[in-house]
N, C-alpha and C. Protein backbone atom coordinates (compact mmCIF):
# COMPACT_ATOMS: atom_id res chain seq x y z
N MET A 1 0.85 -1.18 0.00
CA MET A 1 0.00 0.00 0.00
C MET A 1 0.88 1.23 0.00
N THR A 2 0.49 2.20 -0.82
CA THR A 2 1.21 3.47 -0.83
C THR A 2 0.32 4.54 -0.18
N PHE A 3 0.97 5.46 0.46
CA PHE A 3 0.26 6.54 1.13
C PHE A 3 0.33 7.79 0.28
N THR A 4 -0.73 8.58 0.31
CA THR A 4 -0.79 9.81 -0.47
C THR A 4 0.13 10.86 0.15
N ASP A 5 0.42 11.90 -0.63
CA ASP A 5 1.25 12.99 -0.11
C ASP A 5 0.61 13.64 1.11
N GLN A 6 -0.72 13.77 1.07
CA GLN A 6 -1.43 14.36 2.20
C GLN A 6 -1.27 13.49 3.45
N GLN A 7 -1.37 12.17 3.29
CA GLN A 7 -1.19 11.27 4.42
C GLN A 7 0.24 11.32 4.94
N LEU A 8 1.22 11.39 4.03
CA LEU A 8 2.61 11.49 4.46
C LEU A 8 2.87 12.80 5.21
N GLN A 9 2.19 13.86 4.78
CA GLN A 9 2.31 15.14 5.49
C GLN A 9 1.74 15.02 6.90
N GLU A 10 0.64 14.33 7.04
CA GLU A 10 0.04 14.11 8.35
C GLU A 10 0.96 13.25 9.22
N ILE A 11 1.59 12.25 8.62
CA ILE A 11 2.54 11.40 9.35
C ILE A 11 3.73 12.23 9.81
N ARG A 12 4.18 13.15 8.97
CA ARG A 12 5.28 14.05 9.34
C ARG A 12 4.88 14.89 10.55
N GLY A 13 3.64 15.37 10.56
CA GLY A 13 3.13 16.14 11.70
C GLY A 13 3.08 15.28 12.96
N CYS A 14 2.76 14.01 12.80
CA CYS A 14 2.74 13.09 13.95
C CYS A 14 4.16 12.89 14.48
N GLY A 15 5.13 12.90 13.57
CA GLY A 15 6.53 12.80 13.99
C GLY A 15 6.95 14.00 14.81
N GLU A 16 6.46 15.19 14.43
CA GLU A 16 6.76 16.39 15.21
C GLU A 16 6.24 16.27 16.63
N ARG A 17 5.13 15.58 16.79
CA ARG A 17 4.55 15.39 18.12
C ARG A 17 5.00 14.08 18.75
N ASN A 18 5.89 13.35 18.03
CA ASN A 18 6.46 12.09 18.51
C ASN A 18 5.37 11.06 18.85
N LEU A 19 4.34 11.02 18.02
CA LEU A 19 3.24 10.07 18.25
C LEU A 19 3.61 8.69 17.70
N PRO A 20 3.19 7.64 18.36
CA PRO A 20 3.48 6.28 17.89
C PRO A 20 2.60 5.89 16.70
N ALA A 21 2.93 4.75 16.10
CA ALA A 21 2.22 4.28 14.90
C ALA A 21 0.72 4.10 15.16
N ARG A 22 0.34 3.62 16.32
CA ARG A 22 -1.07 3.40 16.63
C ARG A 22 -1.83 4.74 16.57
N SER A 23 -1.25 5.80 17.08
CA SER A 23 -1.89 7.12 17.03
C SER A 23 -1.98 7.64 15.61
N ILE A 24 -0.97 7.34 14.81
CA ILE A 24 -0.98 7.76 13.41
C ILE A 24 -2.15 7.08 12.69
N ALA A 25 -2.31 5.78 12.92
CA ALA A 25 -3.41 5.04 12.27
C ALA A 25 -4.76 5.62 12.67
N MET A 26 -4.91 6.00 13.93
CA MET A 26 -6.17 6.58 14.38
C MET A 26 -6.40 7.94 13.73
N ARG A 27 -5.35 8.76 13.61
CA ARG A 27 -5.50 10.08 13.01
C ARG A 27 -5.88 9.99 11.54
N LEU A 28 -5.31 9.00 10.84
CA LEU A 28 -5.59 8.85 9.41
C LEU A 28 -6.87 8.07 9.16
N GLN A 29 -7.48 7.55 10.22
CA GLN A 29 -8.72 6.77 10.14
C GLN A 29 -8.58 5.62 9.13
N LEU A 30 -7.56 4.79 9.36
CA LEU A 30 -7.27 3.68 8.47
C LEU A 30 -8.10 2.46 8.84
N ASN A 31 -8.44 1.65 7.82
CA ASN A 31 -9.08 0.37 8.10
C ASN A 31 -8.00 -0.62 8.54
N LYS A 32 -8.39 -1.84 8.89
CA LYS A 32 -7.43 -2.82 9.45
C LYS A 32 -6.30 -3.15 8.48
N GLN A 33 -6.63 -3.32 7.21
CA GLN A 33 -5.60 -3.66 6.22
C GLN A 33 -4.61 -2.50 6.05
N GLU A 34 -5.13 -1.28 5.95
CA GLU A 34 -4.27 -0.11 5.82
C GLU A 34 -3.43 0.09 7.08
N GLU A 35 -4.04 -0.19 8.23
CA GLU A 35 -3.33 -0.06 9.50
C GLU A 35 -2.16 -1.03 9.55
N LEU A 36 -2.37 -2.25 9.12
CA LEU A 36 -1.30 -3.25 9.09
C LEU A 36 -0.18 -2.80 8.16
N ALA A 37 -0.54 -2.28 7.00
CA ALA A 37 0.46 -1.77 6.05
C ALA A 37 1.26 -0.63 6.66
N LEU A 38 0.58 0.23 7.42
CA LEU A 38 1.27 1.34 8.09
C LEU A 38 2.28 0.80 9.10
N PHE A 39 1.88 -0.19 9.89
CA PHE A 39 2.78 -0.74 10.91
C PHE A 39 4.01 -1.38 10.26
N VAL A 40 3.79 -2.10 9.16
CA VAL A 40 4.92 -2.74 8.47
C VAL A 40 5.88 -1.67 7.94
N GLN A 41 5.34 -0.64 7.32
CA GLN A 41 6.18 0.42 6.78
C GLN A 41 6.82 1.25 7.88
N PHE A 42 6.13 1.39 9.00
CA PHE A 42 6.68 2.17 10.11
C PHE A 42 7.92 1.47 10.68
N ASP A 43 7.93 0.15 10.67
CA ASP A 43 9.07 -0.61 11.18
C ASP A 43 10.24 -0.65 10.21
N ASP A 44 9.99 -0.36 8.94
CA ASP A 44 11.05 -0.36 7.93
C ASP A 44 11.66 1.04 7.87
N HIS A 45 12.91 1.16 8.29
CA HIS A 45 13.57 2.47 8.37
C HIS A 45 13.81 3.12 7.01
N ASN A 46 13.63 2.37 5.93
CA ASN A 46 13.83 2.92 4.59
C ASN A 46 12.53 3.28 3.89
N SER A 47 11.39 3.08 4.55
CA SER A 47 10.10 3.36 3.91
C SER A 47 9.78 4.86 3.95
N LEU A 48 8.91 5.28 3.05
CA LEU A 48 8.50 6.69 3.01
C LEU A 48 7.78 7.09 4.29
N VAL A 49 7.01 6.16 4.85
CA VAL A 49 6.28 6.44 6.09
C VAL A 49 7.27 6.76 7.22
N ARG A 50 8.25 5.91 7.38
CA ARG A 50 9.23 6.10 8.46
C ARG A 50 10.04 7.36 8.24
N LYS A 51 10.43 7.62 7.00
CA LYS A 51 11.21 8.82 6.71
C LYS A 51 10.40 10.09 6.98
N ALA A 52 9.12 10.08 6.63
CA ALA A 52 8.27 11.25 6.90
C ALA A 52 8.16 11.48 8.40
N TRP A 53 7.96 10.41 9.16
CA TRP A 53 7.83 10.53 10.62
C TRP A 53 9.13 11.04 11.23
N GLU A 54 10.27 10.47 10.81
CA GLU A 54 11.56 10.90 11.34
C GLU A 54 11.89 12.34 10.95
N ASN A 55 11.52 12.74 9.73
CA ASN A 55 11.75 14.13 9.31
C ASN A 55 10.95 15.10 10.16
N GLY A 56 9.74 14.69 10.50
CA GLY A 56 8.93 15.52 11.39
C GLY A 56 9.58 15.66 12.76
N ARG A 57 10.11 14.56 13.29
CA ARG A 57 10.81 14.60 14.58
C ARG A 57 12.03 15.50 14.50
N LEU A 58 12.80 15.38 13.41
CA LEU A 58 14.00 16.21 13.26
C LEU A 58 13.65 17.69 13.14
N ASP A 59 12.60 17.99 12.36
CA ASP A 59 12.18 19.39 12.22
C ASP A 59 11.85 19.99 13.57
N LYS A 60 11.12 19.24 14.39
CA LYS A 60 10.74 19.73 15.71
C LYS A 60 11.98 19.90 16.59
N MET A 61 12.92 18.94 16.51
CA MET A 61 14.12 19.02 17.32
C MET A 61 14.94 20.26 16.93
N TYR A 62 15.05 20.51 15.61
CA TYR A 62 15.79 21.69 15.16
C TYR A 62 15.10 22.98 15.60
N GLU A 63 13.78 22.98 15.55
CA GLU A 63 13.01 24.15 15.98
C GLU A 63 13.26 24.44 17.46
N ILE A 64 13.24 23.40 18.27
CA ILE A 64 13.50 23.56 19.71
C ILE A 64 14.94 24.02 19.92
N GLU A 65 15.86 23.40 19.18
CA GLU A 65 17.27 23.75 19.32
C GLU A 65 17.51 25.21 18.95
N ASP A 66 16.87 25.69 17.89
CA ASP A 66 17.01 27.10 17.49
C ASP A 66 16.50 28.02 18.60
N HIS A 67 15.37 27.67 19.19
CA HIS A 67 14.81 28.48 20.28
C HIS A 67 15.78 28.51 21.47
N LEU A 68 16.37 27.35 21.78
CA LEU A 68 17.33 27.29 22.88
C LEU A 68 18.57 28.12 22.58
N ARG A 69 19.04 28.07 21.33
CA ARG A 69 20.22 28.87 20.94
C ARG A 69 19.94 30.36 21.11
N ASP A 70 18.75 30.81 20.72
CA ASP A 70 18.38 32.21 20.90
C ASP A 70 18.41 32.60 22.37
N THR A 71 17.97 31.70 23.23
CA THR A 71 17.99 31.96 24.67
C THR A 71 19.42 32.11 25.16
N VAL A 72 20.30 31.23 24.70
CA VAL A 72 21.71 31.28 25.13
C VAL A 72 22.38 32.53 24.60
N LYS A 73 22.15 32.85 23.31
CA LYS A 73 22.76 34.04 22.71
C LYS A 73 22.32 35.31 23.40
N GLY A 74 21.06 35.35 23.79
CA GLY A 74 20.53 36.54 24.44
C GLY A 74 20.98 36.68 25.88
N GLY A 75 21.59 35.64 26.41
CA GLY A 75 22.04 35.69 27.80
C GLY A 75 20.87 35.84 28.77
N LEU A 76 19.73 35.36 28.36
CA LEU A 76 18.53 35.49 29.18
C LEU A 76 18.59 34.54 30.36
N GLU A 77 17.71 34.75 31.30
CA GLU A 77 17.62 33.85 32.44
C GLU A 77 17.34 32.44 31.95
N GLY A 78 18.04 31.48 32.49
CA GLY A 78 17.88 30.09 32.08
C GLY A 78 18.77 29.71 30.91
N SER A 79 19.73 30.58 30.54
CA SER A 79 20.58 30.26 29.40
C SER A 79 21.50 29.07 29.69
N GLY A 80 21.88 28.88 30.96
CA GLY A 80 22.69 27.71 31.32
C GLY A 80 21.91 26.42 31.10
N ASP A 81 20.65 26.43 31.50
CA ASP A 81 19.79 25.26 31.27
C ASP A 81 19.60 25.02 29.78
N ALA A 82 19.44 26.10 29.02
CA ALA A 82 19.25 25.98 27.58
C ALA A 82 20.50 25.38 26.93
N ALA A 83 21.67 25.81 27.38
CA ALA A 83 22.93 25.27 26.83
C ALA A 83 23.04 23.77 27.13
N ARG A 84 22.67 23.37 28.32
CA ARG A 84 22.71 21.95 28.66
C ARG A 84 21.70 21.16 27.82
N ALA A 85 20.55 21.74 27.56
CA ALA A 85 19.54 21.07 26.74
C ALA A 85 20.03 20.91 25.30
N ILE A 86 20.70 21.91 24.75
CA ILE A 86 21.27 21.82 23.41
C ILE A 86 22.28 20.68 23.36
N ASN A 87 23.14 20.64 24.37
CA ASN A 87 24.14 19.59 24.44
C ASN A 87 23.48 18.21 24.46
N TYR A 88 22.41 18.08 25.25
CA TYR A 88 21.69 16.81 25.33
C TYR A 88 21.11 16.43 23.97
N LEU A 89 20.46 17.38 23.28
CA LEU A 89 19.85 17.09 21.98
C LEU A 89 20.89 16.64 20.96
N GLN A 90 22.06 17.29 20.99
CA GLN A 90 23.11 16.91 20.05
C GLN A 90 23.64 15.51 20.35
N ARG A 91 23.84 15.19 21.64
CA ARG A 91 24.30 13.85 22.01
C ARG A 91 23.25 12.80 21.65
N LYS A 92 21.97 13.11 21.87
CA LYS A 92 20.89 12.18 21.55
C LYS A 92 20.85 11.91 20.05
N ARG A 93 20.98 12.93 19.25
CA ARG A 93 20.96 12.77 17.80
C ARG A 93 22.13 11.88 17.35
N LEU A 94 23.31 12.13 17.90
CA LEU A 94 24.47 11.30 17.55
C LEU A 94 24.27 9.86 17.99
N SER A 95 23.72 9.67 19.18
CA SER A 95 23.46 8.33 19.71
C SER A 95 22.44 7.60 18.83
N ASP A 96 21.38 8.27 18.45
CA ASP A 96 20.35 7.67 17.59
C ASP A 96 20.93 7.28 16.23
N ASP A 97 21.76 8.16 15.67
CA ASP A 97 22.39 7.85 14.38
C ASP A 97 23.31 6.64 14.49
N LEU A 98 24.07 6.59 15.56
CA LEU A 98 24.99 5.48 15.76
C LEU A 98 24.23 4.16 15.95
N LYS A 99 23.15 4.18 16.75
CA LYS A 99 22.35 2.97 16.94
C LYS A 99 21.75 2.50 15.62
N HIS A 100 21.31 3.44 14.81
CA HIS A 100 20.72 3.07 13.52
C HIS A 100 21.77 2.45 12.60
N GLU A 101 22.97 3.04 12.58
CA GLU A 101 24.03 2.51 11.72
C GLU A 101 24.51 1.14 12.18
N LEU A 102 24.67 0.97 13.49
CA LEU A 102 25.21 -0.29 14.02
C LEU A 102 24.19 -1.41 14.08
N PHE A 103 22.99 -1.08 14.56
CA PHE A 103 22.01 -2.12 14.85
C PHE A 103 20.75 -2.04 13.99
N GLY A 104 20.62 -0.98 13.20
CA GLY A 104 19.43 -0.84 12.39
C GLY A 104 18.18 -0.52 13.19
N VAL A 105 18.38 0.01 14.40
CA VAL A 105 17.25 0.31 15.30
C VAL A 105 16.92 1.77 15.21
């Protein structure tokens, strides 16, 4: 089963909110067969569904990171916490990339 561009856009939005596959199926109002196809594609890291979801997650992470950088640059209250959060996000991204390369997870 292939998903339409509109459905892939919705999946990308679900990635921004870090919603699991079950929530995606409910949002798209899929029948059982379509739901099963979604789950299979969601588990395949090379599928369009998974890439759309991961791109949504990355977009949100970059958006948060940009906001944190502005806080640090401005020297506003909480800039130390923001700097630590940026560091955490960068380490998490590297860790996720490494896990994917080594274990395909």
